[in-house]
Structure formats: C-alpha cells, structure tokens
Amino acid sequence: MVNYLGDNNKQQVHNLENQKENCQMDEIKIVHKRYFIPDTFEQANAEGYASCIHCIENLQ
C-alpha cells in the first residue's frame, strides 16, 4: 500500500494514512500525482516536496 502521494502542481506531499478533509487530495489531477520510491516522507522531502500542513503535522 502507498503511504505518500505527491502533488507535482503544488510540490506538496500528503500522508494517505492520515488524510484530512482540508487536504483536498481528491482534487489532485492524475497528471500531477507523484509516488515515491522508497515510499517515505524523507524521500519526498529529498525530492523537494513540502509537507501538507493538514495531514503531515510534525514530520519535518
């Protein structure tokens, strides 16, 4: 199962296991979805993605 989803349009990463209503993950277009290998917050952050303030609170 995938834990992290990146939004290429906003350069933001979301935690799928902690989804909040304000995240608006459902509005990310397919062409803007990014998955990470390995599937970790650290990898997303290393690729320049900022954390979503709603679903990733204190991981930075």
C-alpha atoms as a PDB file:
ATOM      1  CA  MET A   1       0.000   0.000   0.000  1.00  0.00           C
ATOM      2  CA  VAL A   2       1.146   3.517  -0.814  1.00  0.00           C
ATOM      3  CA  ASN A   3       1.623   5.867   2.145  1.00  0.00           C
ATOM      4  CA  TYR A   4       2.691   9.117   0.490  1.00  0.00           C
ATOM      5  CA  LEU A   5       1.272  10.965  -2.515  1.00  0.00           C
ATOM      6  CA  GLY A   6       2.958  13.943  -4.114  1.00  0.00           C
ATOM      7  CA  ASP A   7       1.232  16.760  -5.962  1.00  0.00           C
ATOM      8  CA  ASN A   8       3.559  17.934  -8.762  1.00  0.00           C
ATOM      9  CA  ASN A   9       1.447  21.046  -9.290  1.00  0.00           C
ATOM     10  CA  LYS A  10       1.890  22.325  -5.711  1.00  0.00           C
ATOM     11  CA  GLN A  11       5.131  20.430  -4.887  1.00  0.00           C
ATOM     12  CA  GLN A  12       3.383  19.077  -1.806  1.00  0.00           C
ATOM     13  CA  VAL A  13       3.330  15.614  -0.241  1.00  0.00           C
ATOM     14  CA  HIS A  14       0.359  14.060   1.566  1.00  0.00           C
ATOM     15  CA  ASN A  15       0.186  11.205   4.058  1.00  0.00           C
ATOM     16  CA  LEU A  16      -2.558   8.871   2.788  1.00  0.00           C
ATOM     17  CA  GLU A  17      -2.864   7.170   6.177  1.00  0.00           C
ATOM     18  CA  ASN A  18      -3.713  10.483   7.856  1.00  0.00           C
ATOM     19  CA  GLN A  19      -5.959  12.087   5.243  1.00  0.00           C
ATOM     20  CA  LYS A  20      -7.875  15.174   6.415  1.00  0.00           C
ATOM     21  CA  GLU A  21     -10.808  16.961   4.783  1.00  0.00           C
ATOM     22  CA  ASN A  22      -8.710  20.090   4.128  1.00  0.00           C
ATOM     23  CA  CYS A  23      -6.010  18.189   2.214  1.00  0.00           C
ATOM     24  CA  GLN A  24      -8.044  18.138  -0.997  1.00  0.00           C
ATOM     25  CA  MET A  25      -6.177  15.034  -2.188  1.00  0.00           C
ATOM     26  CA  ASP A  26      -9.208  14.061  -4.249  1.00  0.00           C
ATOM     27  CA  GLU A  27      -8.681  17.181  -6.373  1.00  0.00           C
ATOM     28  CA  ILE A  28      -5.148  16.233  -7.489  1.00  0.00           C
ATOM     29  CA  LYS A  29      -5.269  15.518 -11.216  1.00  0.00           C
ATOM     30  CA  ILE A  30      -3.814  12.210 -12.375  1.00  0.00           C
ATOM     31  CA  VAL A  31      -1.082  14.001 -14.359  1.00  0.00           C
ATOM     32  CA  HIS A  32       0.039  15.758 -11.158  1.00  0.00           C
ATOM     33  CA  LYS A  33       0.179  12.669  -8.924  1.00  0.00           C
ATOM     34  CA  ARG A  34       3.647  11.515  -7.898  1.00  0.00           C
ATOM     35  CA  TYR A  35       4.576   8.369  -5.992  1.00  0.00           C
ATOM     36  CA  PHE A  36       7.933   7.899  -4.305  1.00  0.00           C
ATOM     37  CA  ILE A  37      10.452   5.059  -4.261  1.00  0.00           C
ATOM     38  CA  PRO A  38      11.053   4.317  -1.481  1.00  0.00           C
ATOM     39  CA  ASP A  39       7.610   5.323  -0.239  1.00  0.00           C
ATOM     40  CA  THR A  40       8.770   7.541   2.629  1.00  0.00           C
ATOM     41  CA  PHE A  41       8.342  11.139   3.722  1.00  0.00           C
ATOM     42  CA  GLU A  42      12.129  11.508   3.714  1.00  0.00           C
ATOM     43  CA  GLN A  43      12.270  10.553   0.020  1.00  0.00           C
ATOM     44  CA  ALA A  44       9.500  13.010  -0.873  1.00  0.00           C
ATOM     45  CA  ASN A  45      11.248  15.746   1.087  1.00  0.00           C
ATOM     46  CA  ALA A  46      14.585  14.929  -0.583  1.00  0.00           C
ATOM     47  CA  GLU A  47      12.862  15.381  -3.961  1.00  0.00           C
ATOM     48  CA  GLY A  48      11.755  18.874  -2.952  1.00  0.00           C
ATOM     49  CA  TYR A  49       8.185  18.233  -1.799  1.00  0.00           C
ATOM     50  CA  ALA A  50       6.897  20.253   1.150  1.00  0.00           C
ATOM     51  CA  SER A  51       4.599  18.590   3.653  1.00  0.00           C
ATOM     52  CA  CYS A  52       0.869  19.217   3.686  1.00  0.00           C
ATOM     53  CA  ILE A  53       0.043  21.177   6.841  1.00  0.00           C
ATOM     54  CA  HIS A  54      -3.146  19.159   7.331  1.00  0.00           C
ATOM     55  CA  CYS A  55      -2.067  15.515   7.069  1.00  0.00           C
ATOM     56  CA  ILE A  56       1.670  15.742   7.877  1.00  0.00           C
ATOM     57  CA  GLU A  57       1.934  17.678  11.084  1.00  0.00           C
ATOM     58  CA  ASN A  58       5.303  17.140  12.761  1.00  0.00           C
ATOM     59  CA  LEU A  59       7.360  15.032  10.384  1.00  0.00           C
ATOM     60  CA  GLN A  60       9.710  17.786   9.273  1.00  0.00           C
END
